């Protein structure tokens, strides 16, 4: 998913390194992609692009139509507000994400919804939709005590099951040196899955699988390596979102821990 010639409104994710134009979420993912981490490829929409779409600007609409014709659907559309994912505040959960967008018409609607963050145009990010077998969050500090180490929460399917509080996730703790201290299995009785026609659904998980570990030893090692790589690039206290699909581990979000 790449644009050869960047425009005022849309650029390939790897070029969207300006947080002032594209928001901190997008800029962080661009930086991660540019240091070799696996990030779903994407197209960044600038604040000017979101404003032009809201105003039904003909030139911007034409750009989007051409872009949509070249996209490999499905995609996810995420907010990237200028006040999101910063050092002093994250705005977590206050902006929209649209998962599994499957058509050009849905893409424009999703961008209009996501880009209207809290009543004003904000940057957005269009990314290849991950079809996750397991996903979740990772903190490089204990979110309560702020002690060093890595803390992971994980569940089957898309990460909405974890961030939306729909399950009791598996909880994994690593020491500061990477040693696995604990794997506590949760009750993951709901899995969020993409639907062929667009959007997602919640699927009931049978009792045996709900109580089984959703991460292998190799998965845990990969998450530890991702944590170390992100800390080397972005600093020591981070909040990550991630997913495993058929190609391995992907980074979906990287922001400072603010609260």
C-alpha atoms as a PDB file:
ATOM      1  CA  UNK A   1       0.000   0.000   0.000  1.00  0.00           C
ATOM      2  CA  UNK A   2       2.138   2.834  -1.292  1.00  0.00           C
ATOM      3  CA  UNK A   3       1.794   6.187  -3.059  1.00  0.00           C
ATOM      4  CA  UNK A   4       4.575   7.070  -5.473  1.00  0.00           C
ATOM      5  CA  UNK A   5       3.795  10.802  -5.409  1.00  0.00           C
ATOM      6  CA  UNK A   6       2.735  12.175  -2.013  1.00  0.00           C
ATOM      7  CA  UNK A   7      -0.067  14.716  -2.006  1.00  0.00           C
ATOM      8  CA  UNK A   8      -1.208  17.374   0.438  1.00  0.00           C
ATOM      9  CA  UNK A   9      -3.905  14.989   1.654  1.00  0.00           C
ATOM     10  CA  UNK A  10      -2.572  11.412   1.398  1.00  0.00           C
ATOM     11  CA  UNK A  11       0.915   9.893   1.739  1.00  0.00           C
ATOM     12  CA  UNK A  12       2.303   6.407   2.256  1.00  0.00           C
ATOM     13  CA  UNK A  13       2.715   5.523   5.929  1.00  0.00           C
ATOM     14  CA  UNK A  14       6.505   5.360   5.766  1.00  0.00           C
ATOM     15  CA  UNK A  15       6.577   9.030   4.649  1.00  0.00           C
ATOM     16  CA  UNK A  16       4.164  10.250   7.331  1.00  0.00           C
ATOM     17  CA  UNK A  17       6.825  11.125   9.883  1.00  0.00           C
ATOM     18  CA  UNK A  18       5.481  14.582  10.805  1.00  0.00           C
ATOM     19  CA  UNK A  19       3.291  14.393  13.903  1.00  0.00           C
ATOM     20  CA  UNK A  20       2.192  17.998  13.236  1.00  0.00           C
ATOM     21  CA  UNK A  21       0.636  16.924   9.913  1.00  0.00           C
ATOM     22  CA  UNK A  22      -0.354  13.319  10.538  1.00  0.00           C
ATOM     23  CA  UNK A  23      -0.662  12.940  14.328  1.00  0.00           C
ATOM     24  CA  UNK A  24       1.573  11.155  16.800  1.00  0.00           C
ATOM     25  CA  UNK A  25       0.003   7.701  16.310  1.00  0.00           C
ATOM     26  CA  UNK A  26       0.785   7.713  12.596  1.00  0.00           C
ATOM     27  CA  UNK A  27       4.215   9.294  13.059  1.00  0.00           C
ATOM     28  CA  UNK A  28       5.176   6.649  15.625  1.00  0.00           C
ATOM     29  CA  UNK A  29       4.091   3.819  13.313  1.00  0.00           C
ATOM     30  CA  UNK A  30       5.978   5.430  10.423  1.00  0.00           C
ATOM     31  CA  UNK A  31       9.101   5.537  12.585  1.00  0.00           C
ATOM     32  CA  UNK A  32       8.623   1.887  13.592  1.00  0.00           C
ATOM     33  CA  UNK A  33       8.199   0.866   9.965  1.00  0.00           C
ATOM     34  CA  UNK A  34      11.308   2.801   8.966  1.00  0.00           C
ATOM     35  CA  UNK A  35      13.495   1.002  11.530  1.00  0.00           C
ATOM     36  CA  UNK A  36      12.380  -2.386  10.218  1.00  0.00           C
ATOM     37  CA  UNK A  37       9.558  -3.357  12.560  1.00  0.00           C
ATOM     38  CA  UNK A  38       6.564  -5.117  11.044  1.00  0.00           C
ATOM     39  CA  UNK A  39       3.717  -2.599  10.817  1.00  0.00           C
ATOM     40  CA  UNK A  40       0.673  -3.093   8.545  1.00  0.00           C
ATOM     41  CA  UNK A  41       1.237  -0.955   5.448  1.00  0.00           C
ATOM     42  CA  UNK A  42      -0.935   2.086   5.159  1.00  0.00           C
ATOM     43  CA  UNK A  43      -1.883   5.478   3.802  1.00  0.00           C
ATOM     44  CA  UNK A  44      -1.828   8.489   6.113  1.00  0.00           C
ATOM     45  CA  UNK A  45      -4.499  11.169   5.796  1.00  0.00           C
ATOM     46  CA  UNK A  46      -3.343  14.621   6.874  1.00  0.00           C
ATOM     47  CA  UNK A  47      -5.377  17.034   8.947  1.00  0.00           C
ATOM     48  CA  UNK A  48      -5.847  19.052   5.738  1.00  0.00           C
ATOM     49  CA  UNK A  49      -7.133  15.915   4.027  1.00  0.00           C
ATOM     50  CA  UNK A  50      -9.690  15.235   6.731  1.00  0.00           C
ATOM     51  CA  UNK A  51     -10.819  18.854   6.571  1.00  0.00           C
ATOM     52  CA  UNK A  52     -11.153  18.693   2.768  1.00  0.00           C
ATOM     53  CA  UNK A  53     -13.182  15.484   2.968  1.00  0.00           C
ATOM     54  CA  UNK A  54     -15.487  17.091   5.536  1.00  0.00           C
ATOM     55  CA  UNK A  55     -16.000  19.995   3.140  1.00  0.00           C
ATOM     56  CA  UNK A  56     -16.696  17.620   0.202  1.00  0.00           C
ATOM     57  CA  UNK A  57     -13.757  19.111  -1.691  1.00  0.00           C
ATOM     58  CA  UNK A  58     -13.898  17.812  -5.285  1.00  0.00           C
ATOM     59  CA  UNK A  59     -10.143  17.437  -5.720  1.00  0.00           C
ATOM     60  CA  UNK A  60      -9.750  15.535  -2.455  1.00  0.00           C
ATOM     61  CA  UNK A  61     -12.710  13.308  -3.269  1.00  0.00           C
ATOM     62  CA  UNK A  62     -11.136  12.517  -6.640  1.00  0.00           C
ATOM     63  CA  UNK A  63      -7.826  11.658  -4.952  1.00  0.00           C
ATOM     64  CA  UNK A  64      -9.605   9.378  -2.512  1.00  0.00           C
ATOM     65  CA  UNK A  65     -11.528   7.651  -5.314  1.00  0.00           C
ATOM     66  CA  UNK A  66      -8.296   6.941  -7.167  1.00  0.00           C
ATOM     67  CA  UNK A  67      -6.666   5.739  -3.976  1.00  0.00           C
ATOM     68  CA  UNK A  68      -9.580   3.442  -3.128  1.00  0.00           C
ATOM     69  CA  UNK A  69      -9.458   1.890  -6.609  1.00  0.00           C
ATOM     70  CA  UNK A  70      -5.880   0.786  -5.934  1.00  0.00           C
ATOM     71  CA  UNK A  71      -6.352  -0.444  -2.362  1.00  0.00           C
ATOM     72  CA  UNK A  72      -6.443  -4.096  -1.384  1.00  0.00           C
ATOM     73  CA  UNK A  73      -9.477  -4.290   0.886  1.00  0.00           C
ATOM     74  CA  UNK A  74     -10.246  -4.930   3.712  1.00  0.00           C
ATOM     75  CA  UNK A  75      -8.596  -2.093   5.608  1.00  0.00           C
ATOM     76  CA  UNK A  76      -8.748  -0.590   9.075  1.00  0.00           C
ATOM     77  CA  UNK A  77      -9.259   3.162   9.507  1.00  0.00           C
ATOM     78  CA  UNK A  78      -7.804   4.667  12.675  1.00  0.00           C
ATOM     79  CA  UNK A  79      -7.796   8.133  14.175  1.00  0.00           C
ATOM     80  CA  UNK A  80      -4.486   9.933  14.613  1.00  0.00           C
ATOM     81  CA  UNK A  81      -5.396  13.119  16.444  1.00  0.00           C
ATOM     82  CA  UNK A  82      -2.755  15.756  17.015  1.00  0.00           C
ATOM     83  CA  UNK A  83      -3.363  15.394  20.765  1.00  0.00           C
ATOM     84  CA  UNK A  84      -3.324  11.569  20.736  1.00  0.00           C
ATOM     85  CA  UNK A  85      -0.494   9.343  21.954  1.00  0.00           C
ATOM     86  CA  UNK A  86       1.675  12.142  23.288  1.00  0.00           C
ATOM     87  CA  UNK A  87       4.057  12.163  26.230  1.00  0.00           C
ATOM     88  CA  UNK A  88       1.661  14.028  28.526  1.00  0.00           C
ATOM     89  CA  UNK A  89      -1.679  12.494  27.489  1.00  0.00           C
ATOM     90  CA  UNK A  90      -2.859   9.652  25.259  1.00  0.00           C
ATOM     91  CA  UNK A  91      -6.577  10.349  24.617  1.00  0.00           C
ATOM     92  CA  UNK A  92      -6.968   6.560  24.560  1.00  0.00           C
ATOM     93  CA  UNK A  93     -10.477   5.438  23.655  1.00  0.00           C
ATOM     94  CA  UNK A  94     -11.728   8.946  22.869  1.00  0.00           C
ATOM     95  CA  UNK A  95     -11.458   8.682  19.085  1.00  0.00           C
ATOM     96  CA  UNK A  96     -12.960   6.173  16.656  1.00  0.00           C
ATOM     97  CA  UNK A  97     -11.467   3.180  14.870  1.00  0.00           C
ATOM     98  CA  UNK A  98     -13.297   1.434  12.021  1.00  0.00           C
ATOM     99  CA  UNK A  99     -12.198  -2.167  11.471  1.00  0.00           C
ATOM    100  CA  UNK A 100     -12.607  -4.366   8.396  1.00  0.00           C
ATOM    101  CA  UNK A 101     -13.727  -1.721   5.908  1.00  0.00           C
ATOM    102  CA  UNK A 102     -14.409  -3.611   2.681  1.00  0.00           C
ATOM    103  CA  UNK A 103     -15.333  -1.119  -0.058  1.00  0.00           C
ATOM    104  CA  UNK A 104     -14.610   2.356  -1.440  1.00  0.00           C
ATOM    105  CA  UNK A 105     -17.960   3.695  -0.229  1.00  0.00           C
ATOM    106  CA  UNK A 106     -17.376   2.366   3.260  1.00  0.00           C
ATOM    107  CA  UNK A 107     -13.872   3.838   3.219  1.00  0.00           C
ATOM    108  CA  UNK A 108     -15.114   7.379   2.681  1.00  0.00           C
ATOM    109  CA  UNK A 109     -17.773   6.963   5.369  1.00  0.00           C
ATOM    110  CA  UNK A 110     -15.164   5.560   7.764  1.00  0.00           C
ATOM    111  CA  UNK A 111     -12.765   8.429   7.095  1.00  0.00           C
ATOM    112  CA  UNK A 112     -15.546  10.957   7.636  1.00  0.00           C
ATOM    113  CA  UNK A 113     -16.458   9.330  10.967  1.00  0.00           C
ATOM    114  CA  UNK A 114     -12.898   8.797  12.223  1.00  0.00           C
ATOM    115  CA  UNK A 115     -11.623  12.129  10.917  1.00  0.00           C
ATOM    116  CA  UNK A 116     -14.337  14.077  12.734  1.00  0.00           C
ATOM    117  CA  UNK A 117     -12.608  13.462  16.059  1.00  0.00           C
ATOM    118  CA  UNK A 118     -14.438  15.159  18.923  1.00  0.00           C
ATOM    119  CA  UNK A 119     -16.118  17.575  16.516  1.00  0.00           C
ATOM    120  CA  UNK A 120     -13.108  18.783  14.523  1.00  0.00           C
ATOM    121  CA  UNK A 121     -11.148  17.339  11.574  1.00  0.00           C
ATOM    122  CA  UNK A 122      -8.157  15.240  12.604  1.00  0.00           C
ATOM    123  CA  UNK A 123      -5.624  13.115  10.736  1.00  0.00           C
ATOM    124  CA  UNK A 124      -6.426   9.461  10.095  1.00  0.00           C
ATOM    125  CA  UNK A 125      -4.644   6.294   8.999  1.00  0.00           C
ATOM    126  CA  UNK A 126      -5.785   3.646   6.503  1.00  0.00           C
ATOM    127  CA  UNK A 127      -4.028   0.302   7.085  1.00  0.00           C
ATOM    128  CA  UNK A 128      -4.172  -3.242   5.819  1.00  0.00           C
ATOM    129  CA  UNK A 129      -6.588  -5.122   8.085  1.00  0.00           C
ATOM    130  CA  UNK A 130      -4.875  -7.803  10.164  1.00  0.00           C
ATOM    131  CA  UNK A 131      -6.815 -11.054  10.484  1.00  0.00           C
ATOM    132  CA  UNK A 132      -5.546 -11.855  13.958  1.00  0.00           C
ATOM    133  CA  UNK A 133      -5.401 -15.263  15.579  1.00  0.00           C
ATOM    134  CA  UNK A 134      -4.451 -13.511  18.842  1.00  0.00           C
ATOM    135  CA  UNK A 135      -3.951  -9.884  19.821  1.00  0.00           C
ATOM    136  CA  UNK A 136      -3.702  -7.569  22.764  1.00  0.00           C
ATOM    137  CA  UNK A 137      -1.705  -4.918  24.589  1.00  0.00           C
ATOM    138  CA  UNK A 138       1.798  -4.695  26.037  1.00  0.00           C
ATOM    139  CA  UNK A 139       3.229  -2.320  28.622  1.00  0.00           C
ATOM    140  CA  UNK A 140       6.974  -1.878  29.143  1.00  0.00           C
ATOM    141  CA  UNK A 141       6.277  -0.766  32.712  1.00  0.00           C
ATOM    142  CA  UNK A 142       3.803  -2.239  35.141  1.00  0.00           C
ATOM    143  CA  UNK A 143       0.748  -0.003  34.505  1.00  0.00           C
ATOM    144  CA  UNK A 144      -0.001   0.242  38.231  1.00  0.00           C
ATOM    145  CA  UNK A 145       3.341   0.214  40.054  1.00  0.00           C
ATOM    146  CA  UNK A 146       5.418   1.562  37.098  1.00  0.00           C
ATOM    147  CA  UNK A 147       8.102  -1.007  37.992  1.00  0.00           C
ATOM    148  CA  UNK A 148      10.380  -2.237  35.191  1.00  0.00           C
ATOM    149  CA  UNK A 149       9.480  -5.327  33.198  1.00  0.00           C
ATOM    150  CA  UNK A 150       6.972  -6.183  30.474  1.00  0.00           C
ATOM    151  CA  UNK A 151       3.285  -6.859  31.077  1.00  0.00           C
ATOM    152  CA  UNK A 152       1.077  -8.371  28.332  1.00  0.00           C
ATOM    153  CA  UNK A 153      -2.673  -8.964  28.032  1.00  0.00           C
ATOM    154  CA  UNK A 154      -3.833 -11.222  25.203  1.00  0.00           C
ATOM    155  CA  UNK A 155      -6.952 -12.878  23.780  1.00  0.00           C
ATOM    156  CA  UNK A 156      -8.097 -14.797  20.719  1.00  0.00           C
ATOM    157  CA  UNK A 157      -8.942 -12.847  17.552  1.00  0.00           C
ATOM    158  CA  UNK A 158      -8.831  -9.087  17.154  1.00  0.00           C
ATOM    159  CA  UNK A 159      -7.571  -6.930  20.005  1.00  0.00           C
ATOM    160  CA  UNK A 160     -10.979  -5.294  20.551  1.00  0.00           C
ATOM    161  CA  UNK A 161     -11.761  -8.163  22.921  1.00  0.00           C
ATOM    162  CA  UNK A 162      -8.954  -6.943  25.204  1.00  0.00           C
ATOM    163  CA  UNK A 163      -9.116  -3.151  24.841  1.00  0.00           C
ATOM    164  CA  UNK A 164     -12.921  -3.242  24.953  1.00  0.00           C
ATOM    165  CA  UNK A 165     -12.969  -5.277  28.181  1.00  0.00           C
ATOM    166  CA  UNK A 166     -14.987  -8.095  26.615  1.00  0.00           C
ATOM    167  CA  UNK A 167     -12.916 -10.938  28.147  1.00  0.00           C
ATOM    168  CA  UNK A 168     -10.642 -11.784  31.046  1.00  0.00           C
ATOM    169  CA  UNK A 169      -7.408 -11.882  29.014  1.00  0.00           C
ATOM    170  CA  UNK A 170      -4.340 -14.015  29.477  1.00  0.00           C
ATOM    171  CA  UNK A 171      -1.772 -12.050  31.508  1.00  0.00           C
ATOM    172  CA  UNK A 172       1.953 -12.529  30.951  1.00  0.00           C
ATOM    173  CA  UNK A 173       4.759 -10.917  32.936  1.00  0.00           C
ATOM    174  CA  UNK A 174       8.435 -10.655  32.009  1.00  0.00           C
ATOM    175  CA  UNK A 175      11.296  -9.489  34.212  1.00  0.00           C
ATOM    176  CA  UNK A 176      13.411  -6.558  33.081  1.00  0.00           C
ATOM    177  CA  UNK A 177      15.951  -9.027  31.653  1.00  0.00           C
ATOM    178  CA  UNK A 178      13.304 -10.846  29.579  1.00  0.00           C
ATOM    179  CA  UNK A 179      12.764 -13.846  31.840  1.00  0.00           C
ATOM    180  CA  UNK A 180       9.164 -15.095  31.753  1.00  0.00           C
ATOM    181  CA  UNK A 181       7.884 -14.670  35.302  1.00  0.00           C
ATOM    182  CA  UNK A 182       4.236 -15.659  34.949  1.00  0.00           C
ATOM    183  CA  UNK A 183       1.633 -16.772  32.418  1.00  0.00           C
ATOM    184  CA  UNK A 184      -1.815 -16.482  33.949  1.00  0.00           C
ATOM    185  CA  UNK A 185      -4.540 -17.917  31.699  1.00  0.00           C
ATOM    186  CA  UNK A 186      -7.760 -15.917  31.500  1.00  0.00           C
ATOM    187  CA  UNK A 187     -11.272 -16.772  30.353  1.00  0.00           C
ATOM    188  CA  UNK A 188     -11.425 -15.679  26.722  1.00  0.00           C
ATOM    189  CA  UNK A 189     -14.999 -16.739  26.014  1.00  0.00           C
ATOM    190  CA  UNK A 190     -15.581 -14.149  23.253  1.00  0.00           C
ATOM    191  CA  UNK A 191     -13.558 -13.641  20.085  1.00  0.00           C
ATOM    192  CA  UNK A 192     -13.890 -10.575  17.841  1.00  0.00           C
ATOM    193  CA  UNK A 193     -13.672 -11.594  14.190  1.00  0.00           C
ATOM    194  CA  UNK A 194     -13.965  -9.712  10.873  1.00  0.00           C
ATOM    195  CA  UNK A 195     -17.080 -10.352   8.753  1.00  0.00           C
ATOM    196  CA  UNK A 196     -16.810 -10.963   5.008  1.00  0.00           C
ATOM    197  CA  UNK A 197     -19.333  -8.206   4.267  1.00  0.00           C
ATOM    198  CA  UNK A 198     -17.535  -5.659   6.494  1.00  0.00           C
ATOM    199  CA  UNK A 199     -17.258  -4.822  10.165  1.00  0.00           C
ATOM    200  CA  UNK A 200     -16.757  -7.288  12.998  1.00  0.00           C
ATOM    201  CA  UNK A 201     -18.738  -9.664  15.146  1.00  0.00           C
ATOM    202  CA  UNK A 202     -18.369 -11.266  18.560  1.00  0.00           C
ATOM    203  CA  UNK A 203     -18.192 -15.062  18.417  1.00  0.00           C
ATOM    204  CA  UNK A 204     -18.630 -17.329  21.410  1.00  0.00           C
ATOM    205  CA  UNK A 205     -15.542 -19.409  22.215  1.00  0.00           C
ATOM    206  CA  UNK A 206     -15.960 -22.941  23.549  1.00  0.00           C
ATOM    207  CA  UNK A 207     -14.979 -23.526  27.162  1.00  0.00           C
ATOM    208  CA  UNK A 208     -11.827 -25.546  26.436  1.00  0.00           C
ATOM    209  CA  UNK A 209     -10.361 -22.959  24.067  1.00  0.00           C
ATOM    210  CA  UNK A 210     -11.504 -20.074  26.277  1.00  0.00           C
ATOM    211  CA  UNK A 211      -9.376 -21.440  29.122  1.00  0.00           C
ATOM    212  CA  UNK A 212      -6.383 -22.394  26.941  1.00  0.00           C
ATOM    213  CA  UNK A 213      -3.311 -20.221  26.420  1.00  0.00           C
ATOM    214  CA  UNK A 214      -3.659 -18.076  23.325  1.00  0.00           C
ATOM    215  CA  UNK A 215       0.101 -17.447  23.068  1.00  0.00           C
ATOM    216  CA  UNK A 216       2.866 -19.999  22.516  1.00  0.00           C
ATOM    217  CA  UNK A 217       6.346 -19.797  24.008  1.00  0.00           C
ATOM    218  CA  UNK A 218       7.576 -18.509  20.628  1.00  0.00           C
ATOM    219  CA  UNK A 219       4.841 -15.835  20.645  1.00  0.00           C
ATOM    220  CA  UNK A 220       5.950 -14.656  24.086  1.00  0.00           C
ATOM    221  CA  UNK A 221       9.560 -14.450  22.939  1.00  0.00           C
ATOM    222  CA  UNK A 222       8.506 -12.440  19.879  1.00  0.00           C
ATOM    223  CA  UNK A 223       6.587  -9.991  22.079  1.00  0.00           C
ATOM    224  CA  UNK A 224       9.605  -9.515  24.324  1.00  0.00           C
ATOM    225  CA  UNK A 225      11.783  -8.793  21.287  1.00  0.00           C
ATOM    226  CA  UNK A 226       9.189  -6.303  20.005  1.00  0.00           C
ATOM    227  CA  UNK A 227       9.149  -4.556  23.386  1.00  0.00           C
ATOM    228  CA  UNK A 228      12.941  -4.246  23.381  1.00  0.00           C
ATOM    229  CA  UNK A 229      12.990  -2.934  19.816  1.00  0.00           C
ATOM    230  CA  UNK A 230      10.324  -0.322  20.570  1.00  0.00           C
ATOM    231  CA  UNK A 231      12.082   0.805  23.739  1.00  0.00           C
ATOM    232  CA  UNK A 232      15.275   1.250  21.730  1.00  0.00           C
ATOM    233  CA  UNK A 233      13.437   3.574  19.347  1.00  0.00           C
ATOM    234  CA  UNK A 234      10.785   5.342  21.437  1.00  0.00           C
ATOM    235  CA  UNK A 235      11.921   5.258  25.072  1.00  0.00           C
ATOM    236  CA  UNK A 236      11.473   3.075  28.110  1.00  0.00           C
ATOM    237  CA  UNK A 237       7.818   3.508  29.163  1.00  0.00           C
ATOM    238  CA  UNK A 238       5.511   2.394  26.328  1.00  0.00           C
ATOM    239  CA  UNK A 239       1.993   1.129  25.698  1.00  0.00           C
ATOM    240  CA  UNK A 240       1.787  -1.110  22.588  1.00  0.00           C
ATOM    241  CA  UNK A 241      -1.027  -2.777  20.687  1.00  0.00           C
ATOM    242  CA  UNK A 242      -0.093  -5.834  18.624  1.00  0.00           C
ATOM    243  CA  UNK A 243      -1.506  -8.829  16.768  1.00  0.00           C
ATOM    244  CA  UNK A 244      -0.357 -12.209  15.453  1.00  0.00           C
ATOM    245  CA  UNK A 245      -1.601 -13.352  12.054  1.00  0.00           C
ATOM    246  CA  UNK A 246      -0.428 -15.975   9.558  1.00  0.00           C
ATOM    247  CA  UNK A 247       2.686 -13.877   8.867  1.00  0.00           C
ATOM    248  CA  UNK A 248       3.726 -13.409  12.489  1.00  0.00           C
ATOM    249  CA  UNK A 249       3.707 -10.467  14.895  1.00  0.00           C
ATOM    250  CA  UNK A 250       2.600  -6.978  13.824  1.00  0.00           C
ATOM    251  CA  UNK A 251       2.791  -3.695  15.739  1.00  0.00           C
ATOM    252  CA  UNK A 252      -0.503  -1.770  15.606  1.00  0.00           C
ATOM    253  CA  UNK A 253       0.180   1.118  17.991  1.00  0.00           C
ATOM    254  CA  UNK A 254       3.038   2.505  20.066  1.00  0.00           C
ATOM    255  CA  UNK A 255       2.591   5.362  22.515  1.00  0.00           C
ATOM    256  CA  UNK A 256       4.087   6.558  25.799  1.00  0.00           C
ATOM    257  CA  UNK A 257       2.503   5.397  29.032  1.00  0.00           C
ATOM    258  CA  UNK A 258       0.811   8.509  30.422  1.00  0.00           C
ATOM    259  CA  UNK A 259      -1.484   7.176  33.132  1.00  0.00           C
END
